[in-house]
Amino acid sequence: MSIILVRHGETALNASRVIQPPDTPLSARGAGQAQAVARRLADLTPAAVLSSDLARALQTAEAIAATAGLPLQTTGLLHERNFGDLRGRSYDSLGYDPIHDERAPPGGESMDAFRLRVDEAFARMLALRASLSGPLVVVSHGLVIRVLLERRLRLPEGMSPPQRLANTSVTVFAPEPPWQASLVNCAVHLVGDLSDDHRAIAGI
């Protein structure tokens, strides 16, 4: 049995490369993506859903939980990195890349603090999975999943952590050491008008 990581669906600000405030909802396209991944995951008969409570992740998780008839739990540990005063600003107007800056932006979260929080989230999902009789779905954000791929999971041989994760992409790993990933950043459920927009940036 496994843990299934899912990035949230697309938002209008995600698509327009704006650093997102916490209450940013899914766009109509993102809601369609959430329904598509929900149908895909229902076939895997998961036992529960754990999600970030930021709007874009929560709406994605609600679609998954409703489709599979599952209980839904939320935790702030799964929030995206807090970019503080940069939220609401265009990424391309900043003149530098805050995503890869180790320092805390004004009013925000340093990478060290963010990594420690993701470590706590990882421990939380492992503990919850241990109490279940089936797979656990965890809905979160691009940088959260990337940090897990970089620091906690063993990737398939020859694979490096992707710099960008697709909206509603699926990553699957075993819930015991060495936490081997069997699937990384898979979005085969997104076709046609729901296909991932590669111009968007994961993590903001």
N, C-alpha and C. Protein backbone atom coordinates (compact mmCIF):
# COMPACT_ATOMS: atom_id res chain seq x y z
N MET A 1 0.84 -1.19 0.00
CA MET A 1 0.00 0.00 0.00
C MET A 1 0.88 1.25 0.00
N SER A 2 0.37 2.35 -0.53
CA SER A 2 1.23 3.48 -0.86
C SER A 2 0.69 4.80 -0.31
N ILE A 3 1.53 5.82 -0.46
CA ILE A 3 1.12 7.20 -0.26
C ILE A 3 1.16 7.88 -1.62
N ILE A 4 0.09 8.59 -1.95
CA ILE A 4 -0.07 9.21 -3.26
C ILE A 4 -0.07 10.72 -3.09
N LEU A 5 0.97 11.38 -3.60
CA LEU A 5 1.07 12.84 -3.54
C LEU A 5 0.43 13.46 -4.77
N VAL A 6 -0.40 14.49 -4.56
CA VAL A 6 -1.08 15.17 -5.66
C VAL A 6 -0.87 16.67 -5.52
N ARG A 7 -0.40 17.30 -6.58
CA ARG A 7 -0.36 18.76 -6.58
C ARG A 7 -1.76 19.28 -6.91
N HIS A 8 -2.10 20.45 -6.40
CA HIS A 8 -3.42 21.05 -6.64
C HIS A 8 -3.63 21.36 -8.11
N GLY A 9 -4.89 21.62 -8.47
CA GLY A 9 -5.23 22.01 -9.83
C GLY A 9 -4.84 23.45 -10.13
N GLU A 10 -4.97 23.81 -11.38
CA GLU A 10 -4.57 25.13 -11.84
C GLU A 10 -5.44 26.24 -11.26
N THR A 11 -4.82 27.39 -11.02
CA THR A 11 -5.55 28.61 -10.65
C THR A 11 -5.26 29.68 -11.70
N ALA A 12 -6.08 30.72 -11.72
CA ALA A 12 -5.84 31.80 -12.67
C ALA A 12 -4.50 32.48 -12.42
N LEU A 13 -4.12 32.62 -11.15
CA LEU A 13 -2.85 33.27 -10.82
C LEU A 13 -1.67 32.36 -11.13
N ASN A 14 -1.84 31.07 -10.91
CA ASN A 14 -0.82 30.09 -11.29
C ASN A 14 -0.53 30.21 -12.79
N ALA A 15 -1.57 30.25 -13.59
CA ALA A 15 -1.42 30.31 -15.04
C ALA A 15 -0.80 31.63 -15.49
N SER A 16 -1.06 32.72 -14.76
CA SER A 16 -0.53 34.03 -15.14
C SER A 16 0.78 34.36 -14.43
N ARG A 17 1.37 33.38 -13.72
CA ARG A 17 2.69 33.50 -13.10
C ARG A 17 2.72 34.58 -12.02
N VAL A 18 1.68 34.58 -11.18
CA VAL A 18 1.60 35.49 -10.04
C VAL A 18 1.80 34.68 -8.77
N ILE A 19 2.57 35.21 -7.83
CA ILE A 19 2.78 34.55 -6.55
C ILE A 19 1.47 34.60 -5.77
N GLN A 20 0.97 33.45 -5.37
CA GLN A 20 -0.43 33.36 -4.97
C GLN A 20 -0.69 33.64 -3.49
N PRO A 21 -1.72 34.44 -3.20
CA PRO A 21 -2.21 34.55 -1.82
C PRO A 21 -2.83 33.22 -1.37
N PRO A 22 -2.98 33.04 -0.05
CA PRO A 22 -3.48 31.76 0.46
C PRO A 22 -4.88 31.39 -0.03
N ASP A 23 -5.72 32.38 -0.30
CA ASP A 23 -7.12 32.09 -0.61
C ASP A 23 -7.40 31.96 -2.11
N THR A 24 -6.35 31.80 -2.93
CA THR A 24 -6.55 31.68 -4.37
C THR A 24 -7.30 30.39 -4.70
N PRO A 25 -8.47 30.49 -5.35
CA PRO A 25 -9.24 29.27 -5.68
C PRO A 25 -8.80 28.67 -7.00
N LEU A 26 -9.29 27.48 -7.28
CA LEU A 26 -9.08 26.87 -8.58
C LEU A 26 -9.82 27.66 -9.66
N SER A 27 -9.23 27.71 -10.84
CA SER A 27 -9.94 28.22 -12.01
C SER A 27 -10.91 27.15 -12.50
N ALA A 28 -11.74 27.49 -13.48
CA ALA A 28 -12.64 26.48 -14.05
C ALA A 28 -11.84 25.32 -14.63
N ARG A 29 -10.72 25.63 -15.26
CA ARG A 29 -9.86 24.58 -15.80
C ARG A 29 -9.26 23.74 -14.68
N GLY A 30 -8.85 24.41 -13.60
CA GLY A 30 -8.30 23.69 -12.47
C GLY A 30 -9.31 22.77 -11.81
N ALA A 31 -10.56 23.23 -11.75
CA ALA A 31 -11.63 22.38 -11.20
C ALA A 31 -11.83 21.14 -12.07
N GLY A 32 -11.73 21.32 -13.39
CA GLY A 32 -11.81 20.17 -14.29
C GLY A 32 -10.66 19.21 -14.09
N GLN A 33 -9.46 19.76 -13.88
CA GLN A 33 -8.30 18.91 -13.59
C GLN A 33 -8.50 18.12 -12.29
N ALA A 34 -9.07 18.80 -11.28
CA ALA A 34 -9.33 18.12 -10.00
C ALA A 34 -10.29 16.95 -10.19
N GLN A 35 -11.31 17.15 -11.00
CA GLN A 35 -12.25 16.05 -11.26
C GLN A 35 -11.56 14.91 -12.01
N ALA A 36 -10.66 15.26 -12.92
CA ALA A 36 -9.97 14.23 -13.69
C ALA A 36 -9.06 13.38 -12.80
N VAL A 37 -8.31 14.03 -11.90
CA VAL A 37 -7.44 13.26 -11.02
C VAL A 37 -8.27 12.49 -10.00
N ALA A 38 -9.42 13.05 -9.61
CA ALA A 38 -10.30 12.33 -8.68
C ALA A 38 -10.79 11.02 -9.29
N ARG A 39 -11.17 11.05 -10.55
CA ARG A 39 -11.62 9.82 -11.21
C ARG A 39 -10.47 8.82 -11.32
N ARG A 40 -9.29 9.31 -11.61
CA ARG A 40 -8.13 8.41 -11.71
C ARG A 40 -7.84 7.74 -10.36
N LEU A 41 -7.85 8.52 -9.29
CA LEU A 41 -7.46 7.97 -7.98
C LEU A 41 -8.54 7.07 -7.39
N ALA A 42 -9.80 7.31 -7.74
CA ALA A 42 -10.87 6.45 -7.21
C ALA A 42 -10.64 5.00 -7.60
N ASP A 43 -10.02 4.77 -8.75
CA ASP A 43 -9.74 3.40 -9.20
C ASP A 43 -8.69 2.71 -8.35
N LEU A 44 -7.92 3.50 -7.57
CA LEU A 44 -6.88 2.94 -6.72
C LEU A 44 -7.39 2.59 -5.33
N THR A 45 -8.67 2.83 -5.08
CA THR A 45 -9.34 2.56 -3.79
C THR A 45 -8.54 3.06 -2.59
N PRO A 46 -8.27 4.38 -2.54
CA PRO A 46 -7.57 4.92 -1.37
C PRO A 46 -8.45 4.87 -0.14
N ALA A 47 -7.83 5.03 1.04
CA ALA A 47 -8.55 4.92 2.30
C ALA A 47 -8.84 6.27 2.94
N ALA A 48 -8.08 7.31 2.61
CA ALA A 48 -8.28 8.62 3.23
C ALA A 48 -7.55 9.67 2.41
N VAL A 49 -7.90 10.94 2.67
CA VAL A 49 -7.26 12.07 2.01
C VAL A 49 -6.77 13.04 3.08
N LEU A 50 -5.52 13.46 2.96
CA LEU A 50 -4.93 14.49 3.82
C LEU A 50 -4.53 15.65 2.92
N SER A 51 -4.85 16.89 3.31
CA SER A 51 -4.64 18.01 2.40
C SER A 51 -4.18 19.27 3.13
N SER A 52 -3.42 20.08 2.42
CA SER A 52 -3.26 21.48 2.78
C SER A 52 -4.64 22.12 2.82
N ASP A 53 -4.83 23.09 3.74
CA ASP A 53 -6.13 23.76 3.78
C ASP A 53 -6.14 25.08 3.00
N LEU A 54 -5.08 25.37 2.24
CA LEU A 54 -5.14 26.51 1.32
C LEU A 54 -6.15 26.19 0.22
N ALA A 55 -6.88 27.21 -0.23
CA ALA A 55 -8.07 26.99 -1.05
C ALA A 55 -7.81 26.10 -2.26
N ARG A 56 -6.73 26.34 -2.99
CA ARG A 56 -6.50 25.61 -4.23
C ARG A 56 -6.25 24.12 -3.99
N ALA A 57 -5.57 23.80 -2.88
CA ALA A 57 -5.35 22.39 -2.54
C ALA A 57 -6.61 21.78 -1.95
N LEU A 58 -7.29 22.52 -1.09
CA LEU A 58 -8.48 21.99 -0.44
C LEU A 58 -9.57 21.67 -1.46
N GLN A 59 -9.77 22.54 -2.43
CA GLN A 59 -10.79 22.27 -3.46
C GLN A 59 -10.43 21.02 -4.26
N THR A 60 -9.14 20.84 -4.54
CA THR A 60 -8.70 19.63 -5.24
C THR A 60 -8.96 18.39 -4.38
N ALA A 61 -8.62 18.49 -3.10
CA ALA A 61 -8.82 17.36 -2.18
C ALA A 61 -10.30 17.05 -2.00
N GLU A 62 -11.14 18.07 -1.96
CA GLU A 62 -12.58 17.84 -1.80
C GLU A 62 -13.14 17.06 -2.99
N ALA A 63 -12.66 17.36 -4.19
CA ALA A 63 -13.11 16.60 -5.36
C ALA A 63 -12.69 15.14 -5.26
N ILE A 64 -11.46 14.89 -4.82
CA ILE A 64 -10.96 13.52 -4.67
C ILE A 64 -11.75 12.77 -3.61
N ALA A 65 -11.95 13.42 -2.45
CA ALA A 65 -12.66 12.77 -1.35
C ALA A 65 -14.11 12.48 -1.72
N ALA A 66 -14.76 13.42 -2.40
CA ALA A 66 -16.17 13.22 -2.77
C ALA A 66 -16.32 12.10 -3.78
N THR A 67 -15.44 12.04 -4.76
CA THR A 67 -15.54 11.01 -5.79
C THR A 67 -15.33 9.61 -5.22
N ALA A 68 -14.39 9.50 -4.27
CA ALA A 68 -14.08 8.19 -3.70
C ALA A 68 -14.85 7.89 -2.42
N GLY A 69 -15.65 8.86 -1.93
CA GLY A 69 -16.39 8.67 -0.69
C GLY A 69 -15.49 8.51 0.52
N LEU A 70 -14.49 9.39 0.62
CA LEU A 70 -13.47 9.26 1.65
C LEU A 70 -13.53 10.38 2.68
N PRO A 71 -13.05 10.12 3.89
CA PRO A 71 -12.87 11.20 4.86
C PRO A 71 -11.72 12.10 4.43
N LEU A 72 -11.79 13.37 4.82
CA LEU A 72 -10.78 14.36 4.46
C LEU A 72 -10.27 15.04 5.71
N GLN A 73 -8.95 15.04 5.89
CA GLN A 73 -8.30 15.77 6.97
C GLN A 73 -7.43 16.87 6.37
N THR A 74 -7.23 17.96 7.10
CA THR A 74 -6.38 19.05 6.61
C THR A 74 -5.30 19.37 7.64
N THR A 75 -4.21 19.94 7.14
CA THR A 75 -3.13 20.39 8.02
C THR A 75 -2.38 21.55 7.37
N GLY A 76 -2.04 22.54 8.17
CA GLY A 76 -1.24 23.65 7.70
C GLY A 76 0.20 23.27 7.41
N LEU A 77 0.62 22.11 7.86
CA LEU A 77 1.99 21.66 7.58
C LEU A 77 2.22 21.46 6.09
N LEU A 78 1.15 21.22 5.34
CA LEU A 78 1.26 20.98 3.90
C LEU A 78 1.12 22.25 3.06
N HIS A 79 1.06 23.42 3.71
CA HIS A 79 0.98 24.68 2.95
C HIS A 79 2.18 24.85 2.03
N GLU A 80 1.95 25.59 0.94
CA GLU A 80 3.06 26.01 0.10
C GLU A 80 3.98 26.93 0.91
N ARG A 81 5.21 27.08 0.45
CA ARG A 81 6.13 28.02 1.11
C ARG A 81 5.50 29.40 1.16
N ASN A 82 5.64 30.07 2.28
CA ASN A 82 5.06 31.40 2.49
C ASN A 82 6.01 32.45 1.91
N PHE A 83 5.57 33.11 0.84
CA PHE A 83 6.39 34.15 0.22
C PHE A 83 6.06 35.55 0.73
N GLY A 84 5.29 35.65 1.81
CA GLY A 84 5.09 36.90 2.52
C GLY A 84 4.61 38.03 1.65
N ASP A 85 5.34 39.14 1.68
CA ASP A 85 4.92 40.36 0.99
C ASP A 85 5.00 40.23 -0.53
N LEU A 86 5.60 39.16 -1.02
CA LEU A 86 5.66 38.96 -2.48
C LEU A 86 4.36 38.41 -3.04
N ARG A 87 3.50 37.89 -2.17
CA ARG A 87 2.25 37.31 -2.65
C ARG A 87 1.38 38.38 -3.31
N GLY A 88 0.82 38.01 -4.47
CA GLY A 88 0.04 38.96 -5.25
C GLY A 88 0.85 39.68 -6.32
N ARG A 89 2.17 39.48 -6.32
CA ARG A 89 3.03 40.15 -7.30
C ARG A 89 3.39 39.19 -8.44
N SER A 90 3.62 39.77 -9.61
CA SER A 90 4.02 38.98 -10.77
C SER A 90 5.44 38.44 -10.56
N TYR A 91 5.59 37.15 -10.75
CA TYR A 91 6.92 36.52 -10.62
C TYR A 91 7.92 37.17 -11.57
N ASP A 92 7.50 37.44 -12.80
CA ASP A 92 8.43 37.95 -13.81
C ASP A 92 8.81 39.41 -13.58
N SER A 93 8.12 40.10 -12.68
CA SER A 93 8.43 41.52 -12.42
C SER A 93 9.44 41.68 -11.27
N LEU A 94 9.80 40.60 -10.60
CA LEU A 94 10.59 40.73 -9.38
C LEU A 94 12.07 40.98 -9.65
N GLY A 95 12.57 40.50 -10.78
CA GLY A 95 13.99 40.70 -11.07
C GLY A 95 14.90 39.66 -10.43
N TYR A 96 14.33 38.71 -9.72
CA TYR A 96 15.11 37.60 -9.16
C TYR A 96 14.16 36.44 -8.91
N ASP A 97 14.72 35.29 -8.56
CA ASP A 97 13.92 34.07 -8.40
C ASP A 97 13.74 33.76 -6.91
N PRO A 98 12.60 34.12 -6.32
CA PRO A 98 12.40 33.85 -4.89
C PRO A 98 12.23 32.37 -4.58
N ILE A 99 11.86 31.58 -5.58
CA ILE A 99 11.63 30.16 -5.35
C ILE A 99 12.92 29.46 -4.90
N HIS A 100 14.04 29.85 -5.49
CA HIS A 100 15.32 29.22 -5.19
C HIS A 100 16.18 30.04 -4.24
N ASP A 101 15.63 31.13 -3.70
CA ASP A 101 16.35 31.96 -2.74
C ASP A 101 16.22 31.34 -1.35
N GLU A 102 17.33 31.05 -0.72
CA GLU A 102 17.29 30.43 0.61
C GLU A 102 16.77 31.38 1.68
N ARG A 103 16.90 32.68 1.44
CA ARG A 103 16.50 33.67 2.43
C ARG A 103 14.98 33.82 2.50
N ALA A 104 14.49 34.26 3.65
CA ALA A 104 13.06 34.53 3.79
C ALA A 104 12.73 35.84 3.10
N PRO A 105 11.71 35.85 2.23
CA PRO A 105 11.25 37.14 1.70
C PRO A 105 10.61 37.95 2.82
N PRO A 106 10.43 39.25 2.64
CA PRO A 106 9.82 40.05 3.71
C PRO A 106 8.48 39.47 4.15
N GLY A 107 8.37 39.20 5.44
CA GLY A 107 7.13 38.63 5.98
C GLY A 107 6.91 37.18 5.64
N GLY A 108 7.92 36.51 5.08
CA GLY A 108 7.74 35.15 4.60
C GLY A 108 8.62 34.13 5.31
N GLU A 109 8.88 33.03 4.63
CA GLU A 109 9.48 31.84 5.21
C GLU A 109 10.79 31.51 4.49
N SER A 110 11.86 31.30 5.25
CA SER A 110 13.12 30.89 4.66
C SER A 110 13.01 29.44 4.18
N MET A 111 13.94 29.04 3.32
CA MET A 111 13.95 27.66 2.87
C MET A 111 14.23 26.70 4.02
N ASP A 112 15.10 27.09 4.95
CA ASP A 112 15.38 26.21 6.09
C ASP A 112 14.11 25.97 6.91
N ALA A 113 13.37 27.04 7.18
CA ALA A 113 12.12 26.89 7.95
C ALA A 113 11.11 26.06 7.17
N PHE A 114 11.04 26.30 5.86
CA PHE A 114 10.11 25.55 5.01
C PHE A 114 10.47 24.06 5.01
N ARG A 115 11.74 23.73 4.86
CA ARG A 115 12.15 22.32 4.85
C ARG A 115 11.79 21.63 6.17
N LEU A 116 12.00 22.33 7.28
CA LEU A 116 11.65 21.73 8.57
C LEU A 116 10.15 21.46 8.66
N ARG A 117 9.34 22.36 8.14
CA ARG A 117 7.89 22.16 8.15
C ARG A 117 7.49 20.98 7.26
N VAL A 118 8.13 20.87 6.10
CA VAL A 118 7.84 19.74 5.23
C VAL A 118 8.24 18.43 5.90
N ASP A 119 9.34 18.44 6.66
CA ASP A 119 9.71 17.25 7.43
C ASP A 119 8.60 16.85 8.40
N GLU A 120 8.01 17.84 9.06
CA GLU A 120 6.90 17.56 9.97
C GLU A 120 5.69 17.01 9.21
N ALA A 121 5.43 17.57 8.04
CA ALA A 121 4.32 17.07 7.23
C ALA A 121 4.56 15.63 6.81
N PHE A 122 5.80 15.30 6.49
CA PHE A 122 6.14 13.94 6.09
C PHE A 122 5.87 12.98 7.24
N ALA A 123 6.29 13.36 8.44
CA ALA A 123 6.03 12.51 9.61
C ALA A 123 4.54 12.34 9.84
N ARG A 124 3.78 13.41 9.63
CA ARG A 124 2.33 13.35 9.82
C ARG A 124 1.70 12.38 8.82
N MET A 125 2.10 12.44 7.56
CA MET A 125 1.47 11.56 6.56
C MET A 125 1.88 10.10 6.80
N LEU A 126 3.10 9.85 7.23
CA LEU A 126 3.51 8.48 7.53
C LEU A 126 2.71 7.90 8.69
N ALA A 127 2.50 8.72 9.73
CA ALA A 127 1.73 8.25 10.88
C ALA A 127 0.29 7.95 10.50
N LEU A 128 -0.32 8.82 9.68
CA LEU A 128 -1.70 8.59 9.26
C LEU A 128 -1.78 7.35 8.37
N ARG A 129 -0.86 7.20 7.44
CA ARG A 129 -0.89 6.02 6.57
C ARG A 129 -0.78 4.73 7.38
N ALA A 130 0.01 4.75 8.47
CA ALA A 130 0.18 3.55 9.28
C ALA A 130 -1.12 3.11 9.95
N SER A 131 -2.07 4.04 10.09
CA SER A 131 -3.34 3.72 10.74
C SER A 131 -4.40 3.25 9.75
N LEU A 132 -4.07 3.20 8.46
CA LEU A 132 -5.05 2.90 7.41
C LEU A 132 -4.83 1.51 6.83
N SER A 133 -5.87 1.01 6.19
CA SER A 133 -5.78 -0.30 5.54
C SER A 133 -5.63 -0.18 4.03
N GLY A 134 -5.47 1.06 3.53
CA GLY A 134 -5.32 1.29 2.10
C GLY A 134 -4.48 2.52 1.85
N PRO A 135 -4.29 2.89 0.58
CA PRO A 135 -3.45 4.04 0.24
C PRO A 135 -3.98 5.35 0.83
N LEU A 136 -3.05 6.25 1.11
CA LEU A 136 -3.36 7.61 1.58
C LEU A 136 -3.08 8.58 0.45
N VAL A 137 -4.04 9.44 0.13
CA VAL A 137 -3.84 10.52 -0.83
C VAL A 137 -3.49 11.80 -0.05
N VAL A 138 -2.40 12.45 -0.46
CA VAL A 138 -1.96 13.69 0.17
C VAL A 138 -1.95 14.79 -0.89
N VAL A 139 -2.76 15.83 -0.69
CA VAL A 139 -2.88 16.91 -1.67
C VAL A 139 -2.13 18.13 -1.15
N SER A 140 -1.18 18.62 -1.95
CA SER A 140 -0.36 19.72 -1.48
C SER A 140 0.04 20.61 -2.65
N HIS A 141 1.27 21.13 -2.60
CA HIS A 141 1.72 22.18 -3.50
C HIS A 141 3.06 21.80 -4.14
N GLY A 142 3.43 22.53 -5.19
CA GLY A 142 4.60 22.17 -5.98
C GLY A 142 5.89 22.09 -5.21
N LEU A 143 6.18 23.13 -4.40
CA LEU A 143 7.45 23.12 -3.67
C LEU A 143 7.46 22.09 -2.56
N VAL A 144 6.33 21.85 -1.93
CA VAL A 144 6.26 20.83 -0.89
C VAL A 144 6.64 19.47 -1.47
N ILE A 145 6.04 19.13 -2.60
CA ILE A 145 6.31 17.83 -3.22
C ILE A 145 7.75 17.77 -3.71
N ARG A 146 8.25 18.88 -4.25
CA ARG A 146 9.63 18.87 -4.72
C ARG A 146 10.62 18.65 -3.57
N VAL A 147 10.38 19.28 -2.43
CA VAL A 147 11.26 19.08 -1.27
C VAL A 147 11.21 17.62 -0.81
N LEU A 148 10.03 17.02 -0.82
CA LEU A 148 9.93 15.60 -0.47
C LEU A 148 10.73 14.74 -1.44
N LEU A 149 10.66 15.05 -2.72
CA LEU A 149 11.40 14.29 -3.72
C LEU A 149 12.91 14.47 -3.54
N GLU A 150 13.32 15.67 -3.15
CA GLU A 150 14.75 15.94 -2.99
C GLU A 150 15.32 15.37 -1.70
N ARG A 151 14.52 15.36 -0.63
CA ARG A 151 15.07 15.07 0.69
C ARG A 151 14.63 13.75 1.30
N ARG A 152 13.51 13.22 0.88
CA ARG A 152 12.95 12.08 1.59
C ARG A 152 12.75 10.82 0.75
N LEU A 153 12.42 10.98 -0.51
CA LEU A 153 12.04 9.83 -1.32
C LEU A 153 13.20 9.32 -2.16
N ARG A 154 13.23 8.03 -2.38
CA ARG A 154 14.19 7.45 -3.32
C ARG A 154 13.54 7.40 -4.68
N LEU A 155 14.16 8.03 -5.65
CA LEU A 155 13.60 8.10 -6.99
C LEU A 155 14.03 6.89 -7.81
N PRO A 156 13.29 6.56 -8.85
CA PRO A 156 13.73 5.50 -9.76
C PRO A 156 15.13 5.79 -10.29
N GLU A 157 15.88 4.75 -10.55
CA GLU A 157 17.28 4.89 -10.97
C GLU A 157 17.38 5.79 -12.20
N GLY A 158 18.31 6.75 -12.12
CA GLY A 158 18.55 7.66 -13.23
C GLY A 158 17.65 8.88 -13.27
N MET A 159 16.71 8.98 -12.36
CA MET A 159 15.78 10.11 -12.35
C MET A 159 16.21 11.17 -11.34
N SER A 160 16.09 12.44 -11.71
CA SER A 160 16.32 13.56 -10.81
C SER A 160 14.99 14.20 -10.45
N PRO A 161 14.89 14.87 -9.30
CA PRO A 161 13.63 15.54 -8.97
C PRO A 161 13.26 16.57 -10.03
N PRO A 162 12.05 16.56 -10.54
CA PRO A 162 11.66 17.56 -11.54
C PRO A 162 11.63 18.96 -10.94
N GLN A 163 12.05 19.94 -11.71
CA GLN A 163 12.03 21.32 -11.23
C GLN A 163 10.61 21.89 -11.23
N ARG A 164 9.75 21.32 -12.06
CA ARG A 164 8.37 21.78 -12.12
C ARG A 164 7.43 20.58 -12.09
N LEU A 165 6.44 20.65 -11.25
CA LEU A 165 5.44 19.58 -11.19
C LEU A 165 4.14 20.07 -11.83
N ALA A 166 3.54 19.23 -12.63
CA ALA A 166 2.30 19.58 -13.33
C ALA A 166 1.15 19.72 -12.34
N ASN A 167 0.20 20.57 -12.67
CA ASN A 167 -1.02 20.66 -11.86
C ASN A 167 -1.71 19.30 -11.83
N THR A 168 -2.11 18.88 -10.66
CA THR A 168 -2.74 17.58 -10.34
C THR A 168 -1.88 16.39 -10.73
N SER A 169 -0.56 16.61 -10.85
CA SER A 169 0.32 15.47 -11.11
C SER A 169 0.32 14.52 -9.92
N VAL A 170 0.57 13.26 -10.21
CA VAL A 170 0.53 12.19 -9.21
C VAL A 170 1.93 11.63 -9.01
N THR A 171 2.33 11.53 -7.74
CA THR A 171 3.59 10.89 -7.35
C THR A 171 3.26 9.84 -6.30
N VAL A 172 3.77 8.63 -6.48
CA VAL A 172 3.42 7.52 -5.60
C VAL A 172 4.69 6.96 -4.97
N PHE A 173 4.66 6.74 -3.64
CA PHE A 173 5.83 6.15 -2.98
C PHE A 173 5.40 5.19 -1.89
N ALA A 174 6.32 4.29 -1.54
CA ALA A 174 6.08 3.31 -0.49
C ALA A 174 6.19 3.97 0.88
N PRO A 175 5.32 3.62 1.84
CA PRO A 175 5.29 4.31 3.13
C PRO A 175 6.28 3.77 4.16
N GLU A 176 7.29 3.04 3.70
CA GLU A 176 8.31 2.57 4.61
C GLU A 176 9.68 2.83 3.98
N PRO A 177 10.74 2.95 4.83
CA PRO A 177 12.08 3.23 4.28
C PRO A 177 12.47 2.18 3.26
N PRO A 178 13.14 2.58 2.19
CA PRO A 178 13.69 3.92 1.88
C PRO A 178 12.70 4.83 1.15
N TRP A 179 11.39 4.58 1.29
CA TRP A 179 10.36 5.43 0.69
C TRP A 179 10.57 5.54 -0.83
N GLN A 180 10.59 4.38 -1.45
CA GLN A 180 10.85 4.29 -2.88
C GLN A 180 9.67 4.84 -3.68
N ALA A 181 9.95 5.78 -4.57
CA ALA A 181 8.92 6.30 -5.47
C ALA A 181 8.78 5.38 -6.67
N SER A 182 7.56 5.01 -6.99
CA SER A 182 7.29 4.17 -8.16
C SER A 182 6.73 4.99 -9.32
N LEU A 183 6.28 6.20 -9.05
CA LEU A 183 5.71 7.08 -10.08
C LEU A 183 5.99 8.51 -9.64
N VAL A 184 6.43 9.36 -10.58
CA VAL A 184 6.79 10.74 -10.25
C VAL A 184 6.19 11.69 -11.28
N ASN A 185 5.43 12.68 -10.79
CA ASN A 185 4.97 13.78 -11.63
C ASN A 185 4.20 13.29 -12.85
N CYS A 186 3.28 12.37 -12.65
CA CYS A 186 2.52 11.79 -13.76
C CYS A 186 1.17 12.50 -13.91
N ALA A 187 0.89 12.99 -15.11
CA ALA A 187 -0.36 13.71 -15.37
C ALA A 187 -1.06 13.15 -16.60
N VAL A 188 -1.02 11.83 -16.77
CA VAL A 188 -1.65 11.22 -17.96
C VAL A 188 -3.16 11.39 -17.96
N HIS A 189 -3.75 11.73 -16.81
CA HIS A 189 -5.20 11.94 -16.73
C HIS A 189 -5.62 13.27 -17.32
N LEU A 190 -4.67 14.15 -17.62
CA LEU A 190 -4.99 15.46 -18.18
C LEU A 190 -4.85 15.41 -19.69
N VAL A 191 -5.97 15.53 -20.38
CA VAL A 191 -5.95 15.48 -21.84
C VAL A 191 -6.77 16.65 -22.40
N GLY A 192 -6.51 16.98 -23.64
CA GLY A 192 -7.29 18.03 -24.30
C GLY A 192 -7.18 19.36 -23.59
N ASP A 193 -8.31 19.98 -23.34
CA ASP A 193 -8.35 21.31 -22.72
C ASP A 193 -7.84 21.30 -21.28
N LEU A 194 -7.74 20.15 -20.66
CA LEU A 194 -7.25 20.06 -19.29
C LEU A 194 -5.74 19.87 -19.20
N SER A 195 -5.06 19.75 -20.33
CA SER A 195 -3.63 19.49 -20.32
C SER A 195 -2.87 20.57 -19.55
N ASP A 196 -1.79 20.16 -18.92
CA ASP A 196 -1.01 21.07 -18.08
C ASP A 196 -0.38 22.18 -18.92
N ASP A 197 -0.38 23.39 -18.37
CA ASP A 197 0.22 24.55 -19.02
C ASP A 197 1.68 24.67 -18.56
N HIS A 198 2.61 24.36 -19.45
CA HIS A 198 4.02 24.33 -19.08
C HIS A 198 4.60 25.72 -18.87
N ARG A 199 3.88 26.77 -19.23
CA ARG A 199 4.36 28.13 -18.98
C ARG A 199 4.16 28.54 -17.54
N ALA A 200 3.24 27.89 -16.85
CA ALA A 200 2.98 28.21 -15.45
C ALA A 200 4.14 27.73 -14.59
N ILE A 201 4.28 28.33 -13.41
CA ILE A 201 5.39 28.00 -12.53
C ILE A 201 4.84 27.26 -11.31
N ALA A 202 5.45 26.15 -10.97
CA ALA A 202 5.06 25.42 -9.76
C ALA A 202 5.78 26.03 -8.56
N GLY A 203 5.03 26.27 -7.51
CA GLY A 203 5.64 26.71 -6.28
C GLY A 203 5.31 28.13 -5.87
N ILE A 204 4.56 28.84 -6.68
CA ILE A 204 4.23 30.21 -6.33
C ILE A 204 2.73 30.38 -6.12
